[in-house]
Amino acid sequence: MCPRVQPLVQLVPPWTTAAARNDNAIVTVSGFCPGPQAASFQVLIDFTPTGAGSATVRFTVQNTSGVYAFQQPAIGNPILTGIWFNVPAGAIVSYTGARILAGAVVASNGSSVDGVPTAAGCTQLVSDVLETSWYTLVSGAAVGQYGLFTSGLGAAASRKAGLVDPGVFVACRPQGSVFGSIVIAGRVRFTLQLSNLPAWFRSFDLRWGGYYWRENIGSRSDKRVREKSPSQAAPDASIPILLLHAEDDFHVPYKQSKGMAYQLGLYDKDVKLVKLEDDGHDLDKIGSRIRVLIELESFLATHLH
């Protein structure tokens, strides 16, 4: 059973010190449930400044894990119950609304969420429905960490109003096992108000860890950062170099290794870049890990004598 999946929305910032402006970004989070299923979720972050140090942020969240056929009662389709995000220390966050977007299917056994009853069966929404009380804003353990979660308490109740992949329900017939009294097969949009923000803050910085690097390392315009970049040392490389990088790495973007390989190539250095497709920073896929070992074995066999 994979009832509770709580991804961390995370990515390094775009290294800019420009003043706040309208901005949006799409984050894809993938991994595994506490079970055999792979899970993935997509979050659209829409960031709109509303004044000096203030902004409206909308998270549009969708479960993209796919559909798992029923196997046994202990195994079911992943249910997204919450996401984490990050703001700078001192920023003020208020949660103002959750909207289930048109086209979503609300599947219920006739239960209720925080006293709000839902009709038994599957109801496809023809227009957006405001259900703010179904979700809640929580504070994390780290400074500036916040989360948006289903508002039920306890293991069973916390699955209420969780998100499943839209393909799970077709004509109100479950295409795979779902263990939750009320689930949403579709998208939910959360709206928050932020205040007391620094001028540089943008949507990318909402992803966990974003602002930390800017504050503690610097930006691309910082001369010290440019001087320490490995790409600046490309002319001095004297040994073969193997670069392995996941295509969907949102901690350290793949384009950084691509840029490093380009710089080394300009100086006719012996370099090989291997792109690990459809995988992220942690190399969750077995195929990627096997590929890494194969490439390392080949590289060492070629260059060690």
Protein backbone atom coordinates (compact mmCIF):
# COMPACT_ATOMS: atom_id res chain seq x y z
CA MET A 1 0.00 0.00 0.00
CA CYS A 2 1.32 3.42 -0.89
CA PRO A 3 -1.15 5.84 0.67
CA ARG A 4 1.04 8.76 1.70
CA VAL A 5 3.56 10.35 -0.61
CA GLN A 6 4.97 13.71 0.49
CA PRO A 7 7.48 15.01 -2.07
CA LEU A 8 9.88 17.85 -1.47
CA VAL A 9 9.62 20.58 -4.11
CA GLN A 10 13.28 21.30 -4.73
CA LEU A 11 15.66 22.82 -7.27
CA VAL A 12 18.58 25.20 -7.21
CA PRO A 13 17.85 28.83 -8.17
CA PRO A 14 18.46 30.45 -11.57
CA TRP A 15 21.30 32.61 -10.17
CA THR A 16 19.79 36.03 -10.67
CA THR A 17 19.63 39.11 -8.47
CA ALA A 18 16.95 40.88 -10.49
CA ALA A 19 14.01 42.44 -8.68
CA ALA A 20 10.93 40.32 -8.18
CA ARG A 21 8.75 39.87 -11.25
CA ASN A 22 6.06 37.56 -12.61
CA ASP A 23 7.54 34.12 -12.93
CA ASN A 24 6.57 30.49 -13.19
CA ALA A 25 8.34 27.18 -13.09
CA ILE A 26 7.44 23.51 -13.43
CA VAL A 27 8.89 20.97 -11.02
CA THR A 28 8.74 17.21 -11.57
CA VAL A 29 9.40 15.13 -8.46
CA SER A 30 9.97 11.38 -8.75
CA GLY A 31 10.92 8.53 -6.45
CA PHE A 32 9.51 5.42 -4.86
CA CYS A 33 6.72 4.83 -2.35
CA PRO A 34 7.27 2.68 0.72
CA GLY A 35 6.61 -0.21 -1.66
CA PRO A 36 7.46 -1.35 -5.20
CA GLN A 37 5.75 1.47 -7.09
CA ALA A 38 7.55 4.39 -8.64
CA ALA A 39 5.81 7.69 -7.91
CA SER A 40 6.00 11.03 -9.70
CA PHE A 41 4.27 14.39 -9.30
CA GLN A 42 4.26 17.64 -11.22
CA VAL A 43 4.00 21.04 -9.57
CA LEU A 44 3.49 24.30 -11.48
CA ILE A 45 4.66 27.29 -9.41
CA ASP A 46 3.08 30.59 -10.47
CA PHE A 47 4.73 33.55 -8.72
CA THR A 48 3.15 37.02 -9.01
CA PRO A 49 4.59 40.01 -7.09
CA THR A 50 1.89 42.16 -5.52
CA GLY A 51 4.04 44.90 -3.99
CA ALA A 52 7.35 45.59 -2.31
CA GLY A 53 8.36 42.33 -0.64
CA SER A 54 5.01 40.63 -1.23
CA ALA A 55 3.66 38.12 -3.73
CA THR A 56 0.87 35.70 -4.51
CA VAL A 57 1.99 32.13 -5.17
CA ARG A 58 -0.11 29.39 -6.72
CA PHE A 59 0.95 25.75 -6.67
CA THR A 60 -0.90 23.59 -9.20
CA VAL A 61 -0.26 19.98 -8.23
CA GLN A 62 -0.92 16.81 -10.20
CA ASN A 63 -0.11 13.14 -9.55
CA THR A 64 1.63 11.70 -12.63
CA SER A 65 2.59 8.31 -11.18
CA GLY A 66 0.62 6.30 -13.71
CA VAL A 67 -1.83 3.52 -12.96
CA TYR A 68 -0.91 0.33 -11.13
CA ALA A 69 -3.04 -2.74 -11.63
CA PHE A 70 -4.52 -4.28 -8.48
CA GLN A 71 -2.07 -6.80 -7.05
CA GLN A 72 -3.04 -7.38 -3.43
CA PRO A 73 -4.67 -5.29 -0.68
CA ALA A 74 -1.28 -4.16 0.58
CA ILE A 75 -0.37 -2.53 -2.75
CA GLY A 76 -2.26 0.33 -4.35
CA ASN A 77 -1.86 3.46 -6.43
CA PRO A 78 0.26 6.24 -4.85
CA ILE A 79 -1.72 9.03 -3.17
CA LEU A 80 -0.13 12.47 -2.83
CA THR A 81 -0.95 13.94 0.57
CA GLY A 82 1.33 16.97 0.66
CA ILE A 83 4.31 18.95 -0.63
CA TRP A 84 7.07 20.93 1.08
CA PHE A 85 8.41 24.29 -0.11
CA ASN A 86 10.88 26.87 1.17
CA VAL A 87 10.95 30.62 1.82
CA PRO A 88 13.69 32.85 3.29
CA ALA A 89 13.89 33.23 7.05
CA GLY A 90 11.63 36.05 8.17
CA ALA A 91 9.16 35.74 5.31
CA ILE A 92 5.48 35.54 6.25
CA VAL A 93 3.31 32.86 4.64
CA SER A 94 -0.48 32.64 4.71
CA TYR A 95 -2.64 30.01 3.04
CA THR A 96 -5.71 31.50 1.38
CA GLY A 97 -7.32 28.82 -0.74
CA ALA A 98 -7.37 25.38 -2.39
CA ARG A 99 -9.27 24.87 -5.60
CA ILE A 100 -10.00 21.50 -7.22
CA LEU A 101 -9.78 22.26 -10.92
CA ALA A 102 -12.44 21.47 -13.51
CA GLY A 103 -12.07 18.06 -15.11
CA ALA A 104 -10.95 16.37 -11.92
CA VAL A 105 -12.85 13.37 -10.59
CA VAL A 106 -13.76 13.36 -6.90
CA ALA A 107 -14.18 9.73 -5.80
CA SER A 108 -15.80 9.09 -2.44
CA ASN A 109 -17.38 6.33 -0.37
CA GLY A 110 -19.74 8.93 1.08
CA SER A 111 -17.33 10.11 3.74
CA SER A 112 -16.49 13.70 4.65
CA VAL A 113 -13.41 15.87 5.11
CA ASP A 114 -13.45 18.15 8.15
CA GLY A 115 -17.22 17.85 8.29
CA VAL A 116 -17.72 18.57 4.57
CA PRO A 117 -19.67 15.61 3.10
CA THR A 118 -19.04 14.31 -0.39
CA ALA A 119 -21.50 12.27 -2.44
CA ALA A 120 -20.74 8.59 -2.80
CA GLY A 121 -19.40 7.56 -6.20
CA CYS A 122 -17.39 9.50 -8.74
CA THR A 123 -18.18 13.11 -9.59
CA GLN A 124 -16.39 14.79 -12.48
CA LEU A 125 -16.20 18.54 -11.94
CA VAL A 126 -17.42 20.75 -14.78
CA SER A 127 -16.04 23.85 -13.03
CA ASP A 128 -13.49 24.62 -10.32
CA VAL A 129 -14.57 23.88 -6.74
CA LEU A 130 -13.16 25.77 -3.76
CA GLU A 131 -12.32 23.36 -0.91
CA THR A 132 -9.90 25.35 1.24
CA SER A 133 -10.69 23.47 4.46
CA TRP A 134 -9.64 20.15 2.92
CA TYR A 135 -5.98 21.19 3.15
CA THR A 136 -3.80 22.99 5.65
CA LEU A 137 -0.51 24.90 5.88
CA VAL A 138 2.08 23.43 8.26
CA SER A 139 5.52 24.53 9.42
CA GLY A 140 8.50 22.26 8.91
CA ALA A 141 11.41 21.55 11.23
CA ALA A 142 13.86 23.76 9.30
CA VAL A 143 13.79 27.57 9.18
CA GLY A 144 11.67 28.73 6.23
CA GLN A 145 10.25 25.27 5.51
CA TYR A 146 6.49 24.97 5.01
CA GLY A 147 4.14 22.34 3.69
CA LEU A 148 0.66 22.05 2.22
CA PHE A 149 -1.05 18.84 3.33
CA THR A 150 -4.42 17.17 3.49
CA SER A 151 -5.99 18.30 6.74
CA GLY A 152 -7.09 14.92 8.15
CA LEU A 153 -5.39 13.56 11.23
CA GLY A 154 -4.12 10.00 11.52
CA ALA A 155 -2.91 7.57 8.87
CA ALA A 156 -6.33 6.81 7.38
CA ALA A 157 -7.82 10.31 7.54
CA SER A 158 -4.72 11.92 6.04
CA ARG A 159 -5.45 10.19 2.73
CA LYS A 160 -8.74 12.06 2.40
CA ALA A 161 -8.58 14.55 -0.48
CA GLY A 162 -5.20 13.17 -1.53
CA LEU A 163 -4.33 13.17 -5.24
CA VAL A 164 -4.15 10.08 -7.43
CA ASP A 165 -3.20 9.87 -11.10
CA PRO A 166 -6.16 11.03 -13.26
CA GLY A 167 -6.09 7.68 -15.08
CA VAL A 168 -7.06 5.76 -11.96
CA PHE A 169 -10.77 6.44 -12.38
CA VAL A 170 -12.40 5.89 -15.76
CA ALA A 171 -16.21 6.06 -15.91
CA CYS A 172 -16.17 5.66 -12.12
CA ARG A 173 -14.43 2.30 -12.33
CA PRO A 174 -11.13 2.02 -10.47
CA GLN A 175 -8.37 0.94 -12.83
CA GLY A 176 -6.19 0.02 -9.88
CA SER A 177 -6.56 -0.31 -6.15
CA VAL A 178 -6.91 2.97 -4.23
CA PHE A 179 -7.10 2.94 -0.44
CA GLY A 180 -8.67 6.23 0.54
CA SER A 181 -12.24 7.20 1.40
CA ILE A 182 -12.02 10.39 -0.69
CA VAL A 183 -9.45 10.94 -3.45
CA ILE A 184 -8.96 13.51 -6.19
CA ALA A 185 -8.08 12.23 -9.67
CA GLY A 186 -6.95 15.51 -11.20
CA ARG A 187 -5.30 18.82 -10.31
CA VAL A 188 -5.52 20.97 -7.18
CA ARG A 189 -4.37 24.59 -7.06
CA PHE A 190 -3.20 26.07 -3.76
CA THR A 191 -2.95 29.84 -3.26
CA LEU A 192 -0.68 31.51 -0.71
CA GLN A 193 0.26 35.08 0.14
CA LEU A 194 3.90 35.86 0.89
CA SER A 195 5.23 39.02 2.52
CA ASN A 196 8.51 40.37 3.89
CA LEU A 197 10.39 38.87 0.93
CA PRO A 198 13.82 40.00 -0.36
CA ALA A 199 13.79 41.66 -3.80
CA TRP A 200 15.58 38.78 -5.54
CA PHE A 201 13.03 36.14 -4.51
CA ARG A 202 11.36 34.27 -7.40
CA SER A 203 9.47 31.04 -7.99
CA PHE A 204 12.65 28.98 -8.30
CA ASP A 205 13.57 29.91 -4.75
CA LEU A 206 10.42 28.27 -3.39
CA ARG A 207 12.01 24.93 -4.17
CA TRP A 208 13.70 23.60 -1.09
CA GLY A 209 17.28 24.86 -0.75
CA GLY A 210 16.97 27.48 -3.49
CA TYR A 211 17.66 30.63 -1.56
CA TYR A 212 20.27 28.95 0.66
CA TRP A 213 22.81 28.69 -2.16
CA ARG A 214 22.28 32.27 -3.24
CA GLU A 215 22.75 33.53 0.32
CA ASN A 216 25.79 31.40 1.17
CA ILE A 217 27.63 31.00 -2.13
CA GLY A 218 26.60 33.95 -4.28
CA SER A 219 25.26 34.54 -7.78
CA ARG A 220 26.65 34.18 -11.26
CA SER A 221 27.51 37.89 -11.23
CA ASP A 222 29.82 37.31 -8.27
CA LYS A 223 33.42 37.35 -9.52
CA ARG A 224 34.51 34.86 -6.87
CA VAL A 225 31.91 32.32 -8.02
CA ARG A 226 33.03 32.62 -11.66
CA GLU A 227 36.66 32.21 -10.70
CA LYS A 228 35.95 29.01 -8.74
CA SER A 229 33.87 27.40 -11.49
CA PRO A 230 35.49 24.12 -12.68
CA SER A 231 34.93 25.22 -16.28
CA GLN A 232 37.56 27.92 -15.77
CA ALA A 233 40.13 25.17 -15.19
CA ALA A 234 39.39 23.41 -18.50
CA PRO A 235 42.66 24.56 -20.16
CA ASP A 236 44.66 22.92 -17.36
CA ALA A 237 43.03 19.48 -17.52
CA SER A 238 45.74 16.85 -18.04
CA ILE A 239 43.89 13.55 -17.57
CA PRO A 240 40.84 11.92 -19.22
CA ILE A 241 37.54 13.03 -17.72
CA LEU A 242 34.24 11.13 -17.47
CA LEU A 243 31.09 13.15 -16.73
CA LEU A 244 27.93 11.27 -15.71
CA HIS A 245 24.79 13.32 -15.17
CA ALA A 246 21.06 12.60 -14.89
CA GLU A 247 18.92 14.36 -17.47
CA ASP A 248 16.26 15.43 -14.93
CA ASP A 249 18.59 16.42 -12.09
CA PHE A 250 16.95 19.44 -10.48
CA HIS A 251 19.59 19.88 -7.77
CA VAL A 252 22.46 20.30 -10.23
CA PRO A 253 21.08 20.86 -13.76
CA TYR A 254 22.37 18.60 -16.53
CA LYS A 255 23.33 21.66 -18.57
CA GLN A 256 26.20 22.29 -16.13
CA SER A 257 27.92 19.05 -17.14
CA LYS A 258 27.07 19.77 -20.77
CA GLY A 259 28.74 23.16 -20.41
CA MET A 260 31.76 21.60 -18.73
CA ALA A 261 32.11 19.08 -21.56
CA TYR A 262 31.88 21.92 -24.08
CA GLN A 263 34.63 23.89 -22.37
CA LEU A 264 36.91 20.85 -22.24
CA GLY A 265 36.22 20.18 -25.91
CA LEU A 266 37.30 23.69 -26.84
CA TYR A 267 40.77 22.78 -25.55
CA ASP A 268 40.81 19.32 -27.19
CA LYS A 269 40.71 17.55 -23.84
CA ASP A 270 39.80 13.85 -23.52
CA VAL A 271 36.26 14.02 -22.15
CA LYS A 272 33.16 11.83 -22.32
CA LEU A 273 29.72 13.02 -21.23
CA VAL A 274 27.09 10.40 -20.41
CA LYS A 275 23.47 11.58 -20.07
CA LEU A 276 21.36 9.33 -17.83
CA GLU A 277 17.93 9.80 -19.36
CA ASP A 278 14.66 10.08 -17.46
CA ASP A 279 16.29 10.07 -14.02
CA GLY A 280 17.01 12.59 -11.27
CA HIS A 281 19.70 13.61 -8.81
CA ASP A 282 19.41 10.50 -6.63
CA LEU A 283 19.51 8.03 -9.53
CA ASP A 284 16.38 6.21 -8.40
CA LYS A 285 16.18 4.00 -11.47
CA ILE A 286 18.07 0.72 -11.44
CA GLY A 287 18.90 1.11 -15.13
CA SER A 288 20.75 4.37 -14.44
CA ARG A 289 22.82 2.83 -11.66
CA ILE A 290 23.78 -0.10 -13.87
CA ARG A 291 24.69 2.33 -16.66
CA VAL A 292 26.97 4.23 -14.26
CA LEU A 293 28.83 1.03 -13.32
CA ILE A 294 29.19 -0.02 -16.96
CA GLU A 295 30.53 3.38 -17.97
CA LEU A 296 32.96 3.47 -15.04
CA GLU A 297 34.25 -0.02 -15.83
CA SER A 298 34.78 0.88 -19.48
CA PHE A 299 36.43 4.19 -18.62
CA LEU A 300 38.86 2.66 -16.13
CA ALA A 301 39.67 -0.25 -18.43
CA THR A 302 40.52 2.20 -21.21
CA HIS A 303 42.65 4.60 -19.20
CA LEU A 304 44.24 2.53 -16.43
CA HIS A 305 47.28 0.54 -17.50
